[in-house]
Amino acid sequence: MKRFYKEAGVVAQEGGHGIALDGRPVRTPARAPLVLPHERLAQAVAQEWTDQGEKIDPASMPFTGFANAAIDQIAPDPAAFAATVSVYGESDMLCYRADSPVELAARQADQWQPLLDWASSRYDISFTVTSGIIPVTQPQATLDRLREVTAAQEPFLLATLSPLVALSGSLVIGLAVLERAFDPAHLWQAAELDELWQAEQWGDDDEALARRTRRHADFTRAVHFAELARGR
């Protein structure tokens, strides 16, 4: 789509802050008003529209995409969407450890166990940890509590929790981002631990490095959106 406007801005309105192009309100793909809950978040979305060139490139507008998802896909039925995210708690990456080599297992325990310990204390739950890839069943009380915690998130936070969990393979890591329990850089290092280990052992290639760079950028953008969606 060619750019059809000169200026993008933020306008205060009922329910939050809307985005306007040359004074005309922007709508989501489902034709709902694009209204953000906090001014700084709205400004970040408006900046994406301002930064567009002669053609509008949706791939360069991740915050707009998160907002559209929150309004069109999540807000109509937050509980149903939350259920699709909380299912990651059944097979959280942090619960599956290597049995060898010893150095990798030790690194996983050092970086992953504190995250599980935090979630256990924060939500009053327990996790079953195993070695290898054979699935284990988490306590039902744990799964119920994780579903409850996920369902309690606002639509704009659910919109960012979903990619955070998908990128990291861990519901615990995603929730730790929203709770600001650890530095995001530490959480991403934990998420990439296995790939970094493989790169250390066998070397890296351009394709793998480019993939990690893209994933890290996606994770960082989701973290930033979450911060703004919390009104921080």
Protein backbone atom coordinates (compact mmCIF):
# COMPACT_ATOMS: atom_id res chain seq x y z
CA MET A 1 0.00 0.00 0.00
CA LYS A 2 1.31 3.44 -0.90
CA ARG A 3 1.59 5.97 1.87
CA PHE A 4 -1.57 8.10 1.74
CA TYR A 5 -0.97 10.52 4.62
CA LYS A 6 1.51 13.18 5.63
CA GLU A 7 1.40 13.10 9.41
CA ALA A 8 0.65 10.53 12.13
CA GLY A 9 -0.28 11.59 15.64
CA VAL A 10 -1.90 10.61 18.93
CA VAL A 11 -5.33 11.84 19.95
CA ALA A 12 -6.85 11.42 23.40
CA GLN A 13 -10.25 9.78 23.31
CA GLU A 14 -12.57 7.68 25.39
CA GLY A 15 -10.86 4.48 26.46
CA GLY A 16 -7.31 5.64 25.84
CA HIS A 17 -5.25 7.17 23.06
CA GLY A 18 -6.05 6.76 19.38
CA ILE A 19 -3.84 7.04 16.29
CA ALA A 20 -4.74 9.58 13.64
CA LEU A 21 -3.39 10.02 10.11
CA ASP A 22 -3.81 13.59 8.94
CA GLY A 23 -6.45 13.90 11.63
CA ARG A 24 -8.41 10.82 10.58
CA PRO A 25 -8.62 7.93 13.08
CA VAL A 26 -6.87 4.67 12.25
CA ARG A 27 -8.77 1.42 12.49
CA THR A 28 -7.61 -2.17 12.90
CA PRO A 29 -7.97 -4.76 10.11
CA ALA A 30 -11.32 -5.73 11.70
CA ARG A 31 -12.36 -2.06 11.52
CA ALA A 32 -12.22 -1.43 15.26
CA PRO A 33 -10.73 1.88 16.48
CA LEU A 34 -6.98 1.56 17.03
CA VAL A 35 -6.96 2.79 20.64
CA LEU A 36 -4.03 2.20 22.98
CA PRO A 37 -4.32 2.12 26.80
CA HIS A 38 -1.31 4.35 27.51
CA GLU A 39 0.01 7.49 25.83
CA ARG A 40 3.62 6.31 25.50
CA LEU A 41 2.46 3.13 23.81
CA ALA A 42 0.29 5.17 21.45
CA GLN A 43 3.24 7.42 20.66
CA ALA A 44 5.37 4.38 19.82
CA VAL A 45 2.68 3.08 17.46
CA ALA A 46 2.27 6.51 15.86
CA GLN A 47 6.02 6.68 15.35
CA GLU A 48 5.88 3.48 13.28
CA TRP A 49 3.39 5.18 10.96
CA THR A 50 5.55 8.31 10.84
CA ASP A 51 8.62 6.27 9.89
CA GLN A 52 7.02 4.69 6.83
CA GLY A 53 8.40 5.62 3.44
CA GLU A 54 6.56 5.88 0.15
CA LYS A 55 5.03 2.46 0.79
CA ILE A 56 3.63 1.10 4.04
CA ASP A 57 5.47 -2.02 5.17
CA PRO A 58 3.55 -3.89 7.90
CA ALA A 59 6.65 -5.95 8.71
CA SER A 60 8.34 -2.78 9.95
CA MET A 61 5.42 -2.00 12.30
CA PRO A 62 5.53 -4.68 15.03
CA PHE A 63 3.88 -2.51 17.70
CA THR A 64 0.96 -1.81 15.39
CA GLY A 65 0.72 -5.55 14.79
CA PHE A 66 0.67 -6.31 18.52
CA ALA A 67 -2.01 -3.67 19.05
CA ASN A 68 -4.14 -5.00 16.20
CA ALA A 69 -3.89 -8.51 17.64
CA ALA A 70 -4.87 -7.30 21.11
CA ILE A 71 -7.95 -5.51 19.81
CA ASP A 72 -9.14 -7.84 17.04
CA GLN A 73 -8.05 -11.30 18.17
CA ILE A 74 -7.73 -11.20 21.95
CA ALA A 75 -10.13 -8.65 23.41
CA PRO A 76 -13.27 -10.39 22.06
CA ASP A 77 -12.43 -13.55 24.07
CA PRO A 78 -9.35 -13.12 26.29
CA ALA A 79 -9.92 -16.39 28.16
CA ALA A 80 -9.85 -18.48 24.99
CA PHE A 81 -6.67 -16.80 23.78
CA ALA A 82 -5.02 -17.14 27.19
CA ALA A 83 -5.74 -20.86 27.12
CA THR A 84 -3.72 -21.25 23.90
CA VAL A 85 -0.75 -19.56 25.58
CA SER A 86 -0.94 -21.27 28.97
CA VAL A 87 -0.73 -24.70 27.31
CA TYR A 88 3.03 -24.11 27.06
CA GLY A 89 3.14 -24.71 30.79
CA GLU A 90 2.56 -28.40 30.13
CA SER A 91 5.93 -28.74 28.39
CA ASP A 92 7.96 -25.76 29.52
CA MET A 93 11.49 -25.93 28.13
CA LEU A 94 12.99 -25.16 31.54
CA CYS A 95 11.75 -28.51 32.86
CA TYR A 96 13.64 -30.58 30.26
CA ARG A 97 17.35 -30.92 31.03
CA ALA A 98 20.17 -32.68 29.26
CA ASP A 99 21.55 -35.78 30.92
CA SER A 100 24.89 -35.29 29.16
CA PRO A 101 27.36 -33.78 28.75
CA VAL A 102 27.79 -32.84 32.36
CA GLU A 103 28.84 -29.28 31.50
CA LEU A 104 25.62 -28.61 29.58
CA ALA A 105 23.47 -30.08 32.33
CA ALA A 106 25.25 -27.91 34.89
CA ARG A 107 24.75 -24.79 32.78
CA GLN A 108 21.05 -25.54 32.39
CA ALA A 109 20.66 -26.05 36.13
CA ASP A 110 22.54 -22.82 36.84
CA GLN A 111 20.46 -20.67 34.46
CA TRP A 112 17.09 -22.42 34.40
CA GLN A 113 16.50 -23.54 37.97
CA PRO A 114 16.41 -19.99 39.40
CA LEU A 115 13.62 -19.17 36.94
CA LEU A 116 11.59 -22.18 38.05
CA ASP A 117 12.32 -21.34 41.68
CA TRP A 118 11.02 -17.81 41.10
CA ALA A 119 7.81 -19.09 39.48
CA SER A 120 7.34 -21.66 42.25
CA SER A 121 7.60 -18.96 44.91
CA ARG A 122 5.67 -16.30 43.01
CA TYR A 123 2.69 -18.49 42.14
CA ASP A 124 2.90 -21.10 44.93
CA ILE A 125 3.37 -24.03 42.54
CA SER A 126 5.87 -26.80 41.87
CA PHE A 127 7.42 -28.22 38.72
CA THR A 128 8.48 -31.70 37.67
CA VAL A 129 11.95 -31.57 36.10
CA THR A 130 13.31 -34.39 33.97
CA SER A 131 16.36 -35.34 31.94
CA GLY A 132 15.91 -36.19 28.29
CA ILE A 133 12.97 -35.63 25.94
CA ILE A 134 10.41 -38.08 27.31
CA PRO A 135 7.38 -35.96 28.30
CA VAL A 136 6.52 -35.61 31.96
CA THR A 137 3.21 -34.53 33.45
CA GLN A 138 3.22 -31.37 35.51
CA PRO A 139 1.09 -31.27 38.69
CA GLN A 140 -2.50 -30.38 37.89
CA ALA A 141 -2.44 -27.64 40.51
CA THR A 142 0.52 -26.08 38.70
CA LEU A 143 -1.22 -26.15 35.33
CA ASP A 144 -4.41 -24.72 36.83
CA ARG A 145 -2.50 -21.88 38.48
CA LEU A 146 -0.55 -21.06 35.31
CA ARG A 147 -3.81 -20.90 33.35
CA GLU A 148 -5.23 -18.60 36.00
CA VAL A 149 -2.19 -16.29 35.92
CA THR A 150 -2.18 -16.16 32.12
CA ALA A 151 -5.91 -15.48 31.92
CA ALA A 152 -5.49 -12.56 34.34
CA GLN A 153 -3.33 -10.63 31.86
CA GLU A 154 -4.83 -7.70 29.96
CA PRO A 155 -5.30 -8.18 26.18
CA PHE A 156 -2.35 -5.93 25.31
CA LEU A 157 -0.09 -7.96 27.60
CA LEU A 158 -1.42 -11.23 26.21
CA ALA A 159 -0.56 -9.93 22.74
CA THR A 160 3.08 -9.75 23.73
CA LEU A 161 3.12 -12.76 26.07
CA SER A 162 2.25 -15.04 23.15
CA PRO A 163 5.37 -14.25 21.06
CA LEU A 164 7.57 -14.12 24.16
CA VAL A 165 6.53 -17.67 25.04
CA ALA A 166 6.75 -18.94 21.47
CA LEU A 167 10.23 -17.47 20.97
CA SER A 168 11.61 -18.74 24.28
CA GLY A 169 9.73 -22.06 24.48
CA SER A 170 8.88 -21.22 28.07
CA LEU A 171 5.75 -19.86 29.71
CA VAL A 172 7.82 -19.14 32.80
CA ILE A 173 10.20 -16.92 30.82
CA GLY A 174 7.27 -15.06 29.27
CA LEU A 175 5.65 -14.43 32.64
CA ALA A 176 9.01 -13.38 34.11
CA VAL A 177 9.21 -10.69 31.43
CA LEU A 178 5.76 -9.36 32.29
CA GLU A 179 6.55 -9.45 36.01
CA ARG A 180 9.95 -7.79 35.45
CA ALA A 181 11.44 -10.53 37.63
CA PHE A 182 14.76 -10.75 35.77
CA ASP A 183 16.74 -8.66 33.34
CA PRO A 184 15.43 -9.39 29.80
CA ALA A 185 18.97 -10.04 28.57
CA HIS A 186 19.35 -12.76 31.20
CA LEU A 187 16.04 -14.30 30.19
CA TRP A 188 17.00 -14.35 26.52
CA GLN A 189 20.34 -15.96 27.34
CA ALA A 190 18.44 -18.68 29.20
CA ALA A 191 16.11 -19.15 26.25
CA GLU A 192 19.02 -19.51 23.82
CA LEU A 193 21.20 -21.62 26.11
CA ASP A 194 21.06 -24.82 24.07
CA GLU A 195 21.74 -23.11 20.74
CA LEU A 196 24.63 -21.14 22.21
CA TRP A 197 26.05 -24.36 23.61
CA GLN A 198 25.91 -26.01 20.20
CA ALA A 199 27.61 -23.00 18.62
CA GLU A 200 30.39 -23.20 21.21
CA GLN A 201 30.95 -26.88 20.52
CA TRP A 202 30.65 -27.02 16.74
CA GLY A 203 31.06 -23.47 15.60
CA ASP A 204 28.51 -21.08 14.15
CA ASP A 205 27.37 -20.52 10.60
CA ASP A 206 25.92 -17.43 8.98
CA GLU A 207 22.41 -18.86 8.74
CA ALA A 208 22.25 -19.85 12.41
CA LEU A 209 23.70 -16.51 13.49
CA ALA A 210 21.20 -14.60 11.35
CA ARG A 211 18.37 -16.67 12.81
CA ARG A 212 19.44 -15.96 16.37
CA THR A 213 19.79 -12.26 15.57
CA ARG A 214 16.25 -12.12 14.16
CA ARG A 215 14.80 -14.01 17.11
CA HIS A 216 16.62 -11.77 19.57
CA ALA A 217 15.27 -8.67 17.81
CA ASP A 218 11.74 -10.10 17.92
CA PHE A 219 12.11 -10.90 21.61
CA THR A 220 13.45 -7.43 22.38
CA ARG A 221 10.58 -5.74 20.56
CA ALA A 222 8.05 -7.85 22.47
CA VAL A 223 9.73 -6.93 25.77
CA HIS A 224 9.58 -3.23 24.86
CA PHE A 225 5.91 -3.48 23.91
CA ALA A 226 5.17 -5.22 27.20
CA GLU A 227 6.85 -2.41 29.13
CA LEU A 228 4.80 0.21 27.34
CA ALA A 229 1.60 -1.83 27.67
CA ARG A 230 2.13 -1.88 31.44
CA GLY A 231 2.30 1.91 31.40
CA ARG A 232 6.00 1.99 32.26
